Amino acid sequence: MTLSACNTTSNGPTVVSLGQSDVTGTSNFTTINLFNGATATATNVGFLIPTSGFSTSQPSVYRFNVDMRARMRYLLVSVSPQTTALMNVNARLGFPEAIPTTATSGGVNTWVEG
């Protein structure tokens, strides 16, 4: 997922999460804790979103490596930006053995795997 550059270095998203469901309709989705990002630690938060240091000239890139063998039929990406932001979500499906395994090797800012 790519979020547009922020207007200030502290205006990143407050929530970035992935939900799953076997049926359509947004009310049917449950958040996958491992892929639930927030700005504060909690038992239902899988990763922390930085609260500062966002680029005012470059987009923020998040990559979720999702092992689909353990997931339901439908996935839903949820993002709560602090300011208006453009977002692009790109799903790459493939074999888990053939993908990069770190943020550096994957060319992204934030790496979540599960």
Protein backbone atom coordinates (compact mmCIF):
# COMPACT_ATOMS: atom_id res chain seq x y z
CA MET A 1 0.00 0.00 0.00
CA THR A 2 1.31 3.44 -0.85
CA LEU A 3 0.14 6.61 0.92
CA SER A 4 0.87 10.02 -0.57
CA ALA A 5 3.44 12.32 1.07
CA CYS A 6 2.22 14.09 4.22
CA ASN A 7 1.84 17.86 4.60
CA THR A 8 3.92 17.68 7.83
CA THR A 9 6.28 15.03 9.18
CA SER A 10 3.79 14.10 11.95
CA ASN A 11 0.67 13.55 9.80
CA GLY A 12 0.94 9.85 9.06
CA PRO A 13 -1.97 7.43 9.40
CA THR A 14 -3.30 6.53 12.84
CA VAL A 15 -4.65 3.13 11.73
CA VAL A 16 -3.51 0.72 9.00
CA SER A 17 -5.15 -2.69 9.19
CA LEU A 18 -6.22 -5.77 7.29
CA GLY A 19 -9.50 -7.54 7.91
CA GLN A 20 -10.94 -10.83 6.65
CA SER A 21 -14.34 -12.37 6.00
CA ASP A 22 -15.98 -15.25 4.15
CA VAL A 23 -18.79 -12.96 2.92
CA THR A 24 -18.89 -9.45 1.46
CA GLY A 25 -20.15 -6.36 3.27
CA THR A 26 -17.83 -4.26 5.44
CA SER A 27 -19.71 -5.05 8.66
CA ASN A 28 -18.77 -8.74 8.30
CA PHE A 29 -14.98 -8.22 8.42
CA THR A 30 -12.85 -8.91 11.48
CA THR A 31 -9.43 -7.35 11.91
CA ILE A 32 -6.46 -9.69 11.82
CA ASN A 33 -4.48 -8.70 14.94
CA LEU A 34 -1.08 -9.37 13.35
CA PHE A 35 -1.97 -6.89 10.57
CA ASN A 36 -3.53 -4.28 12.85
CA GLY A 37 -1.27 -1.22 12.99
CA ALA A 38 -1.76 1.67 15.39
CA THR A 39 0.30 4.45 16.99
CA ALA A 40 0.18 2.95 20.52
CA THR A 41 0.88 -0.52 21.86
CA ALA A 42 -2.13 -2.66 22.80
CA THR A 43 -2.97 -6.36 22.90
CA ASN A 44 -4.79 -6.14 19.57
CA VAL A 45 -2.01 -4.23 17.77
CA GLY A 46 0.33 -6.27 15.60
CA PHE A 47 2.71 -3.48 14.59
CA LEU A 48 3.37 0.15 15.47
CA ILE A 49 2.90 3.00 13.02
CA PRO A 50 5.52 5.71 13.59
CA THR A 51 4.11 8.97 15.00
CA SER A 52 6.70 11.19 13.31
CA GLY A 53 9.32 11.18 10.60
CA PHE A 54 6.93 10.96 7.65
CA SER A 55 8.22 12.43 4.41
CA THR A 56 6.68 15.60 3.02
CA SER A 57 8.06 14.75 -0.43
CA GLN A 58 8.02 10.93 -0.66
CA PRO A 59 5.13 8.47 -0.19
CA SER A 60 5.00 6.00 2.71
CA VAL A 61 5.02 2.37 1.60
CA TYR A 62 3.58 -0.50 3.68
CA ARG A 63 3.88 -4.14 2.64
CA PHE A 64 1.82 -6.95 4.15
CA ASN A 65 3.01 -10.44 3.26
CA VAL A 66 -0.14 -12.45 3.84
CA ASP A 67 -0.07 -16.24 3.87
CA MET A 68 -3.45 -16.89 2.27
CA ARG A 69 -3.56 -20.51 3.41
CA ALA A 70 -4.74 -19.33 6.84
CA ARG A 71 -7.12 -16.58 5.63
CA MET A 72 -10.78 -16.26 4.76
CA ARG A 73 -12.02 -15.58 1.23
CA TYR A 74 -12.14 -11.74 1.30
CA LEU A 75 -9.62 -9.19 2.60
CA LEU A 76 -10.24 -5.52 3.45
CA VAL A 77 -7.55 -2.85 3.90
CA SER A 78 -8.51 -0.04 6.31
CA VAL A 79 -6.56 3.21 6.68
CA SER A 80 -7.26 6.29 8.80
CA PRO A 81 -5.07 9.18 7.65
CA GLN A 82 -4.83 12.32 9.81
CA THR A 83 -5.18 14.49 6.72
CA THR A 84 -6.46 13.94 3.20
CA ALA A 85 -4.24 11.40 1.47
CA LEU A 86 -4.13 9.48 -1.77
CA MET A 87 -3.79 5.73 -1.35
CA ASN A 88 -2.90 2.90 -3.68
CA VAL A 89 -3.34 -0.75 -2.69
CA ASN A 90 -1.63 -3.44 -4.74
CA ALA A 91 -2.07 -7.15 -4.03
CA ARG A 92 0.67 -9.55 -5.11
CA LEU A 93 -0.21 -13.19 -4.82
CA GLY A 94 2.48 -15.84 -4.92
CA PHE A 95 4.36 -18.54 -3.09
CA PRO A 96 5.69 -17.52 0.37
CA GLU A 97 9.10 -19.11 -0.33
CA ALA A 98 9.77 -16.80 -3.31
CA ILE A 99 9.30 -13.32 -1.78
CA PRO A 100 11.67 -10.87 -0.06
CA THR A 101 11.74 -11.20 3.72
CA THR A 102 12.77 -7.75 5.04
CA ALA A 103 11.77 -4.12 4.53
CA THR A 104 15.17 -3.41 2.98
CA SER A 105 15.08 -6.29 0.50
CA GLY A 106 11.44 -5.49 -0.30
CA GLY A 107 12.14 -1.77 -0.86
CA VAL A 108 9.50 -0.50 1.60
CA ASN A 109 9.28 1.53 4.85
CA THR A 110 7.11 -0.86 6.89
CA TRP A 111 7.09 -4.68 6.62
CA VAL A 112 4.47 -6.91 8.26
CA GLU A 113 4.37 -10.66 7.71
CA GLY A 114 2.09 -13.42 8.90
